[in-house]
Amino acid sequence: MFRIVISRLTDDGLRITPERRSTAMSVDEAVSAVEEHLPTVDTTAFGSDAVQSSVNRVNDFRHDVSTADGGHYRVVIAPMM
């Protein structure tokens, strides 16, 4: 299982405000949850291999993304222990 946290970045990334927290059974399900919450975000960097490799190396996957309307977000996908 994986934890997913999507946070809004403001003040040039100095302020991080969690917006959504959820869980997923697989990496693909986690990516689908991100796409559902942020439909205009390019999720090509969220490939299963990239996420799983990052989780294996540093225990989570973090990626900052921007939406079409100018919003900035940090997406974290981490295994549940």
N, C-alpha and C. Protein backbone atom coordinates (compact mmCIF):
# COMPACT_ATOMS: atom_id res chain seq x y z
N MET A 1 0.84 -1.19 0.00
CA MET A 1 0.00 0.00 0.00
C MET A 1 0.88 1.24 0.00
N PHE A 2 0.33 2.33 -0.56
CA PHE A 2 1.05 3.57 -0.67
C PHE A 2 0.22 4.72 -0.12
N ARG A 3 0.90 5.68 0.50
CA ARG A 3 0.27 6.93 0.92
C ARG A 3 0.49 7.94 -0.18
N ILE A 4 -0.51 8.78 -0.41
CA ILE A 4 -0.41 9.85 -1.40
C ILE A 4 -0.75 11.15 -0.69
N VAL A 5 0.11 12.14 -0.86
CA VAL A 5 -0.17 13.47 -0.32
C VAL A 5 0.05 14.48 -1.44
N ILE A 6 -0.96 15.30 -1.69
CA ILE A 6 -0.87 16.37 -2.67
C ILE A 6 -0.98 17.68 -1.91
N SER A 7 0.07 18.50 -2.03
CA SER A 7 0.12 19.76 -1.28
C SER A 7 0.28 20.93 -2.24
N ARG A 8 -0.37 22.04 -1.90
CA ARG A 8 -0.24 23.27 -2.69
C ARG A 8 1.02 24.00 -2.24
N LEU A 9 1.81 24.47 -3.22
CA LEU A 9 3.01 25.25 -2.94
C LEU A 9 2.69 26.72 -3.18
N THR A 10 2.97 27.57 -2.19
CA THR A 10 2.79 29.02 -2.34
C THR A 10 4.03 29.73 -1.85
N ASP A 11 4.09 31.03 -2.06
CA ASP A 11 5.23 31.84 -1.64
C ASP A 11 6.54 31.27 -2.19
N ASP A 12 6.55 30.98 -3.50
CA ASP A 12 7.73 30.42 -4.17
C ASP A 12 8.21 29.13 -3.52
N GLY A 13 7.28 28.32 -3.06
CA GLY A 13 7.63 27.03 -2.48
C GLY A 13 7.97 27.07 -1.00
N LEU A 14 7.91 28.23 -0.38
CA LEU A 14 8.23 28.34 1.05
C LEU A 14 7.08 27.83 1.93
N ARG A 15 5.87 27.87 1.41
CA ARG A 15 4.71 27.40 2.18
C ARG A 15 4.11 26.20 1.47
N ILE A 16 3.96 25.12 2.22
CA ILE A 16 3.40 23.88 1.69
C ILE A 16 2.15 23.56 2.49
N THR A 17 1.01 23.51 1.81
CA THR A 17 -0.27 23.27 2.47
C THR A 17 -0.89 21.98 1.93
N PRO A 18 -0.97 20.93 2.75
CA PRO A 18 -1.59 19.68 2.28
C PRO A 18 -3.04 19.91 1.85
N GLU A 19 -3.39 19.37 0.69
CA GLU A 19 -4.76 19.50 0.16
C GLU A 19 -5.49 18.17 0.13
N ARG A 20 -4.77 17.11 -0.14
CA ARG A 20 -5.43 15.80 -0.25
C ARG A 20 -4.50 14.71 0.25
N ARG A 21 -5.06 13.80 1.00
CA ARG A 21 -4.33 12.62 1.48
C ARG A 21 -5.19 11.41 1.16
N SER A 22 -4.54 10.39 0.64
CA SER A 22 -5.27 9.17 0.34
C SER A 22 -4.30 8.00 0.31
N THR A 23 -4.84 6.82 0.06
CA THR A 23 -4.01 5.63 -0.03
C THR A 23 -4.32 4.92 -1.34
N ALA A 24 -3.39 4.07 -1.74
CA ALA A 24 -3.55 3.27 -2.95
C ALA A 24 -2.92 1.91 -2.74
N MET A 25 -3.41 0.92 -3.44
CA MET A 25 -2.88 -0.42 -3.32
C MET A 25 -1.65 -0.63 -4.21
N SER A 26 -1.51 0.19 -5.27
CA SER A 26 -0.39 0.03 -6.20
C SER A 26 0.08 1.40 -6.68
N VAL A 27 1.21 1.41 -7.33
CA VAL A 27 1.75 2.65 -7.89
C VAL A 27 0.79 3.18 -8.96
N ASP A 28 0.29 2.31 -9.81
CA ASP A 28 -0.63 2.74 -10.86
C ASP A 28 -1.90 3.37 -10.29
N GLU A 29 -2.40 2.80 -9.21
CA GLU A 29 -3.58 3.37 -8.55
C GLU A 29 -3.24 4.74 -7.94
N ALA A 30 -2.03 4.88 -7.41
CA ALA A 30 -1.60 6.17 -6.85
C ALA A 30 -1.53 7.23 -7.94
N VAL A 31 -0.98 6.88 -9.09
CA VAL A 31 -0.89 7.83 -10.20
C VAL A 31 -2.29 8.21 -10.68
N SER A 32 -3.20 7.26 -10.72
CA SER A 32 -4.58 7.56 -11.11
C SER A 32 -5.23 8.53 -10.14
N ALA A 33 -4.94 8.39 -8.85
CA ALA A 33 -5.48 9.30 -7.84
C ALA A 33 -4.95 10.72 -8.05
N VAL A 34 -3.68 10.84 -8.43
CA VAL A 34 -3.09 12.15 -8.71
C VAL A 34 -3.77 12.76 -9.93
N GLU A 35 -3.95 11.97 -10.98
CA GLU A 35 -4.60 12.45 -12.19
C GLU A 35 -6.04 12.88 -11.93
N GLU A 36 -6.70 12.19 -11.03
CA GLU A 36 -8.08 12.53 -10.68
C GLU A 36 -8.14 13.88 -9.97
N HIS A 37 -7.21 14.12 -9.05
CA HIS A 37 -7.21 15.37 -8.28
C HIS A 37 -6.63 16.54 -9.08
N LEU A 38 -5.64 16.27 -9.93
CA LEU A 38 -4.99 17.30 -10.73
C LEU A 38 -5.05 16.90 -12.21
N PRO A 39 -6.21 17.01 -12.83
CA PRO A 39 -6.38 16.48 -14.19
C PRO A 39 -5.53 17.16 -15.26
N THR A 40 -5.08 18.39 -15.05
CA THR A 40 -4.32 19.09 -16.09
C THR A 40 -2.82 18.91 -15.95
N VAL A 41 -2.38 18.11 -14.99
CA VAL A 41 -0.95 17.92 -14.75
C VAL A 41 -0.41 16.82 -15.66
N ASP A 42 0.78 17.06 -16.21
CA ASP A 42 1.47 16.06 -17.01
C ASP A 42 2.08 15.03 -16.06
N THR A 43 1.61 13.80 -16.13
CA THR A 43 2.07 12.76 -15.21
C THR A 43 3.07 11.80 -15.84
N THR A 44 3.74 12.20 -16.90
CA THR A 44 4.71 11.31 -17.54
C THR A 44 5.86 10.97 -16.60
N ALA A 45 6.21 11.87 -15.68
CA ALA A 45 7.29 11.60 -14.72
C ALA A 45 6.87 10.61 -13.64
N PHE A 46 5.57 10.26 -13.61
CA PHE A 46 5.03 9.38 -12.59
C PHE A 46 4.92 7.93 -13.07
N GLY A 47 5.77 7.53 -13.97
CA GLY A 47 5.74 6.15 -14.46
C GLY A 47 5.99 5.17 -13.34
N SER A 48 5.42 3.99 -13.44
CA SER A 48 5.55 2.99 -12.39
C SER A 48 6.99 2.71 -12.03
N ASP A 49 7.86 2.59 -13.04
CA ASP A 49 9.27 2.30 -12.77
C ASP A 49 9.95 3.44 -12.03
N ALA A 50 9.66 4.69 -12.41
CA ALA A 50 10.29 5.84 -11.75
C ALA A 50 9.86 5.95 -10.30
N VAL A 51 8.57 5.78 -10.05
CA VAL A 51 8.06 5.86 -8.68
C VAL A 51 8.62 4.72 -7.84
N GLN A 52 8.56 3.50 -8.34
CA GLN A 52 9.02 2.34 -7.57
C GLN A 52 10.52 2.45 -7.30
N SER A 53 11.30 2.89 -8.27
CA SER A 53 12.74 3.04 -8.08
C SER A 53 13.05 4.07 -6.99
N SER A 54 12.34 5.19 -7.01
CA SER A 54 12.55 6.23 -5.99
C SER A 54 12.14 5.72 -4.61
N VAL A 55 11.02 5.01 -4.54
CA VAL A 55 10.57 4.45 -3.26
C VAL A 55 11.61 3.47 -2.72
N ASN A 56 12.18 2.68 -3.59
CA ASN A 56 13.18 1.70 -3.16
C ASN A 56 14.47 2.37 -2.67
N ARG A 57 14.85 3.50 -3.29
CA ARG A 57 16.10 4.16 -2.93
C ARG A 57 15.97 5.08 -1.72
N VAL A 58 14.96 5.95 -1.72
CA VAL A 58 14.87 6.97 -0.67
C VAL A 58 13.57 6.92 0.13
N ASN A 59 12.80 5.87 -0.06
CA ASN A 59 11.59 5.62 0.71
C ASN A 59 10.38 6.48 0.32
N ASP A 60 10.50 7.35 -0.68
CA ASP A 60 9.32 8.05 -1.20
C ASP A 60 9.64 8.63 -2.57
N PHE A 61 8.59 9.08 -3.24
CA PHE A 61 8.70 9.73 -4.54
C PHE A 61 8.10 11.10 -4.37
N ARG A 62 8.87 12.14 -4.70
CA ARG A 62 8.38 13.52 -4.60
C ARG A 62 8.58 14.19 -5.94
N HIS A 63 7.55 14.91 -6.37
CA HIS A 63 7.66 15.61 -7.65
C HIS A 63 6.79 16.87 -7.58
N ASP A 64 7.38 18.00 -7.94
CA ASP A 64 6.62 19.25 -8.00
C ASP A 64 6.04 19.39 -9.40
N VAL A 65 4.76 19.77 -9.46
CA VAL A 65 4.06 19.90 -10.74
C VAL A 65 3.33 21.23 -10.79
N SER A 66 3.00 21.65 -12.00
CA SER A 66 2.21 22.87 -12.21
C SER A 66 0.97 22.52 -13.00
N THR A 67 -0.13 23.19 -12.68
CA THR A 67 -1.38 22.97 -13.41
C THR A 67 -1.51 24.03 -14.50
N ALA A 68 -2.44 23.80 -15.41
CA ALA A 68 -2.65 24.72 -16.52
C ALA A 68 -3.07 26.11 -16.04
N ASP A 69 -3.73 26.17 -14.88
CA ASP A 69 -4.18 27.48 -14.37
C ASP A 69 -3.13 28.18 -13.51
N GLY A 70 -1.92 27.64 -13.46
CA GLY A 70 -0.83 28.30 -12.74
C GLY A 70 -0.63 27.83 -11.32
N GLY A 71 -1.35 26.83 -10.88
CA GLY A 71 -1.16 26.30 -9.53
C GLY A 71 0.09 25.45 -9.45
N HIS A 72 0.73 25.45 -8.30
CA HIS A 72 1.94 24.66 -8.08
C HIS A 72 1.68 23.68 -6.93
N TYR A 73 2.05 22.42 -7.15
CA TYR A 73 1.76 21.38 -6.18
C TYR A 73 2.97 20.46 -6.01
N ARG A 74 3.07 19.85 -4.83
CA ARG A 74 4.05 18.80 -4.57
C ARG A 74 3.28 17.51 -4.36
N VAL A 75 3.66 16.48 -5.09
CA VAL A 75 3.04 15.17 -4.97
C VAL A 75 4.04 14.24 -4.31
N VAL A 76 3.61 13.56 -3.24
CA VAL A 76 4.46 12.59 -2.54
C VAL A 76 3.73 11.26 -2.54
N ILE A 77 4.43 10.23 -3.01
CA ILE A 77 3.93 8.86 -2.96
C ILE A 77 4.93 8.06 -2.14
N ALA A 78 4.46 7.47 -1.05
CA ALA A 78 5.37 6.74 -0.14
C ALA A 78 4.72 5.44 0.30
N PRO A 79 5.53 4.43 0.54
CA PRO A 79 4.96 3.16 1.00
C PRO A 79 4.46 3.28 2.43
N MET A 80 3.40 2.55 2.74
CA MET A 80 2.90 2.51 4.11
C MET A 80 3.65 1.41 4.83
N MET A 81 4.15 1.72 5.98
CA MET A 81 4.93 0.74 6.75
C MET A 81 4.08 0.20 7.88
